[in-house]
Structures are given as C-alpha cells and as structure tokens.
Amino acid sequence: MITDRLENLERYRFEDPNMEEARKFLLTFDVMSLERRRHEIKGEEIFMNHRDAMQIPLSEARYEAHERYVDIHITLKGTDFIRTTEKRNLVHATQYDRENDFLLGDYDGMHYTDSYIGEGSFGIYFPEDAHLVNASPGELQNVEKFILKVKIR
C-alpha cells in the first residue's frame, strides 16, 4: 500500500512495466480534469473506471482483494476512507471470482491501516493488500474517484 499526492508521483518508479506505464499516464494527463467515464489506456491491461458513490457505514463494509490487478484509487471530490490489511488476514472470504478478479472477506483484528485520501491524492493497493472501500467510520459523504486497474505482469 502506498498513499500520497498526485504531484509526488514523479518520485516513484515501478519494476512492473504496466505499473510504470500507469504512472507515466498519471504524470502526462491532468487526471483531475479528465472526463468522468471509463478510460482505456492499454486495453484490459490498464484501464480507469469512474465511481461516484455515497459511503456506507464501516460496520456494513467488506474487504476486497485481487490477484491479477493493482488498484490505484484517486480521489476527485470528497475524502475517501480506505482501511487496508493483509489479504491473508481475511476470514469468511468468498470464492475468488477469476473473471472479475476479486474476493470479499472480513477482518476484525487490530492489524490494519486507515487512510483518509483527500482530493488530488491516491492510494495504491497491491494484490496482497485487502482494502475496505466506499465506507466511513464517521460521517458519511459522497466520494467521487477514479480507480485505475493495472494488470501485474
């Protein structure tokens, strides 16, 4: 997991060629001004979905985890809250959905990281990072964001 401001992406380098291409895309385009829709960058290897949704109470949310894709969540409006734990901590996990690359699970332990991702900031979640999204431990708000999906090679 990595969280930072978009303006600091220049500091990062990735060995995975798709991750590096995604980073360069974010450095080339003003993502905050892009049209609010799905953007295909490299077919199903790298693409970006738009999401505009009201948060749900933290107690109602489940962690999601992936095997083939990295998620890069970029907050456009509001403050996104994402709780992260290691995928191996999940219990009551669903069967892995290979077609959509995800599984859902729960975790009630104390080994997690909470991130509040403000406008113009991002969070990167690797396949080992189970992340609880679209929820809030406090006041619920509408959050608009892009989720960049990057297939790991």
Protein backbone atom coordinates (compact mmCIF):
# COMPACT_ATOMS: atom_id res chain seq x y z
CA MET A 1 0.00 0.00 0.00
CA ILE A 2 1.18 3.49 -0.88
CA THR A 3 -0.70 6.75 -0.31
CA ASP A 4 0.49 10.15 -1.49
CA ARG A 5 -0.43 13.24 -3.51
CA LEU A 6 -0.60 13.06 -7.31
CA GLU A 7 2.04 15.77 -7.58
CA ASN A 8 4.54 13.41 -5.90
CA LEU A 9 4.21 10.58 -8.46
CA GLU A 10 7.47 11.70 -10.07
CA ARG A 11 9.29 10.26 -7.01
CA TYR A 12 8.12 6.70 -7.69
CA ARG A 13 9.41 4.04 -10.08
CA PHE A 14 7.99 0.56 -10.61
CA GLU A 15 9.70 -2.57 -11.95
CA ASP A 16 6.46 -3.89 -13.40
CA PRO A 17 6.12 -2.40 -16.93
CA ASN A 18 2.34 -1.91 -16.63
CA MET A 19 2.72 -0.10 -13.31
CA GLU A 20 5.36 2.15 -14.84
CA GLU A 21 3.11 2.86 -17.84
CA ALA A 22 0.21 3.70 -15.49
CA ARG A 23 2.46 6.06 -13.52
CA LYS A 24 3.52 7.81 -16.73
CA PHE A 25 -0.13 8.14 -17.80
CA LEU A 26 -0.93 9.87 -14.50
CA LEU A 27 2.07 12.18 -14.94
CA THR A 28 1.10 13.04 -18.53
CA PHE A 29 -2.60 13.82 -18.07
CA ASP A 30 -4.34 16.07 -15.57
CA VAL A 31 -6.43 13.26 -14.09
CA MET A 32 -8.47 15.74 -12.02
CA SER A 33 -9.77 17.27 -15.28
CA LEU A 34 -10.38 14.10 -17.28
CA GLU A 35 -13.89 13.28 -18.42
CA ARG A 36 -15.75 11.29 -15.75
CA ARG A 37 -16.03 7.96 -17.59
CA ARG A 38 -14.10 4.75 -18.19
CA HIS A 39 -10.72 5.36 -19.85
CA GLU A 40 -8.93 2.53 -21.65
CA ILE A 41 -5.20 3.13 -21.53
CA LYS A 42 -3.92 -0.26 -22.66
CA GLY A 43 -6.99 -2.44 -23.20
CA GLU A 44 -7.64 -4.78 -20.27
CA GLU A 45 -4.02 -4.36 -19.09
CA ILE A 46 -4.52 -0.78 -17.85
CA PHE A 47 -7.85 1.00 -17.60
CA MET A 48 -9.53 3.51 -15.33
CA ASN A 49 -13.10 3.42 -14.04
CA HIS A 50 -15.03 6.37 -12.64
CA ARG A 51 -17.01 5.96 -9.42
CA ASP A 52 -19.31 8.44 -7.73
CA ALA A 53 -20.99 6.96 -4.65
CA MET A 54 -22.21 7.63 -1.14
CA GLN A 55 -20.18 5.89 1.57
CA ILE A 56 -21.76 3.23 3.77
CA PRO A 57 -21.17 2.69 7.50
CA LEU A 58 -17.89 0.90 8.22
CA SER A 59 -19.76 -1.90 10.02
CA GLU A 60 -21.54 -2.82 6.76
CA ALA A 61 -18.46 -2.94 4.52
CA ARG A 62 -16.29 -5.87 3.48
CA TYR A 63 -12.69 -6.01 2.35
CA GLU A 64 -11.93 -6.74 -1.29
CA ALA A 65 -8.73 -8.26 -2.64
CA HIS A 66 -7.36 -9.03 -6.08
CA GLU A 67 -4.84 -11.43 -7.57
CA ARG A 68 -4.08 -10.08 -11.03
CA TYR A 69 -4.60 -6.32 -10.71
CA VAL A 70 -3.28 -3.44 -8.65
CA ASP A 71 -5.86 -0.78 -7.76
CA ILE A 72 -4.91 2.89 -7.77
CA HIS A 73 -7.70 4.93 -6.13
CA ILE A 74 -7.58 8.66 -6.99
CA THR A 75 -9.91 10.96 -5.08
CA LEU A 76 -11.57 13.62 -7.24
CA LYS A 77 -14.12 15.00 -4.73
CA GLY A 78 -14.63 14.37 -1.03
CA THR A 79 -12.37 12.43 1.30
CA ASP A 80 -12.05 8.74 0.58
CA PHE A 81 -11.54 6.40 3.54
CA ILE A 82 -9.78 3.09 2.86
CA ARG A 83 -8.83 0.54 5.51
CA THR A 84 -6.14 -1.94 4.49
CA THR A 85 -4.95 -5.26 5.92
CA GLU A 86 -3.00 -8.17 4.52
CA LYS A 87 -5.12 -10.46 2.34
CA ARG A 88 -4.04 -13.43 4.47
CA ASN A 89 -5.86 -11.87 7.48
CA LEU A 90 -9.28 -12.21 5.85
CA VAL A 91 -11.87 -14.62 7.23
CA HIS A 92 -15.23 -15.65 5.82
CA ALA A 93 -13.81 -14.94 2.37
CA THR A 94 -15.90 -15.56 -0.70
CA GLN A 95 -14.72 -17.79 -3.51
CA TYR A 96 -12.29 -15.91 -5.74
CA ASP A 97 -14.11 -14.59 -8.84
CA ARG A 98 -11.49 -15.12 -11.55
CA GLU A 99 -13.44 -13.30 -14.27
CA ASN A 100 -13.76 -10.10 -12.21
CA ASP A 101 -10.54 -10.62 -10.19
CA PHE A 102 -11.82 -10.20 -6.67
CA LEU A 103 -12.82 -11.86 -3.47
CA LEU A 104 -14.54 -10.37 -0.45
CA GLY A 105 -13.76 -11.04 3.18
CA ASP A 106 -13.90 -9.79 6.75
CA TYR A 107 -11.31 -8.95 9.38
CA ASP A 108 -11.95 -7.79 12.95
CA GLY A 109 -8.35 -7.73 14.20
CA MET A 110 -6.12 -4.80 15.01
CA HIS A 111 -3.57 -5.17 12.20
CA TYR A 112 -4.78 -2.64 9.64
CA THR A 113 -4.00 0.81 8.31
CA ASP A 114 -6.59 3.56 7.89
CA SER A 115 -6.07 6.11 5.14
CA TYR A 116 -8.02 9.28 4.50
CA ILE A 117 -7.36 10.14 0.87
CA GLY A 118 -8.24 13.71 0.03
CA GLU A 119 -8.84 15.37 -3.30
CA GLY A 120 -5.81 15.11 -5.56
CA SER A 121 -4.36 12.18 -3.63
CA PHE A 122 -4.07 8.49 -4.40
CA GLY A 123 -3.75 5.11 -2.75
CA ILE A 124 -2.09 2.10 -4.42
CA TYR A 125 -3.28 -1.34 -3.35
CA PHE A 126 -1.27 -4.36 -4.46
CA PRO A 127 -2.65 -7.92 -4.67
CA GLU A 128 -1.54 -8.69 -1.10
CA ASP A 129 -3.44 -5.62 0.19
CA ALA A 130 -7.06 -6.35 1.11
CA HIS A 131 -8.80 -2.99 1.13
CA LEU A 132 -12.14 -1.93 2.56
CA VAL A 133 -13.60 0.76 0.31
CA ASN A 134 -16.66 3.02 -0.03
CA ALA A 135 -17.20 3.15 3.74
CA SER A 136 -16.55 5.52 6.61
CA PRO A 137 -16.10 5.17 10.36
CA GLY A 138 -17.67 8.61 10.81
CA GLU A 139 -19.96 10.91 8.91
CA LEU A 140 -20.91 9.50 5.53
CA GLN A 141 -20.21 11.55 2.43
CA ASN A 142 -20.31 11.23 -1.32
CA VAL A 143 -16.91 10.43 -2.82
CA GLU A 144 -16.02 10.74 -6.46
CA LYS A 145 -12.91 8.99 -7.72
CA PHE A 146 -11.11 7.18 -10.46
CA ILE A 147 -9.91 3.63 -9.91
CA LEU A 148 -7.01 2.77 -12.15
CA LYS A 149 -6.75 -1.00 -12.68
CA VAL A 150 -3.26 -2.23 -13.59
CA LYS A 151 -2.64 -5.86 -14.53
CA ILE A 152 0.56 -7.14 -12.99
CA ARG A 153 2.89 -8.93 -15.38
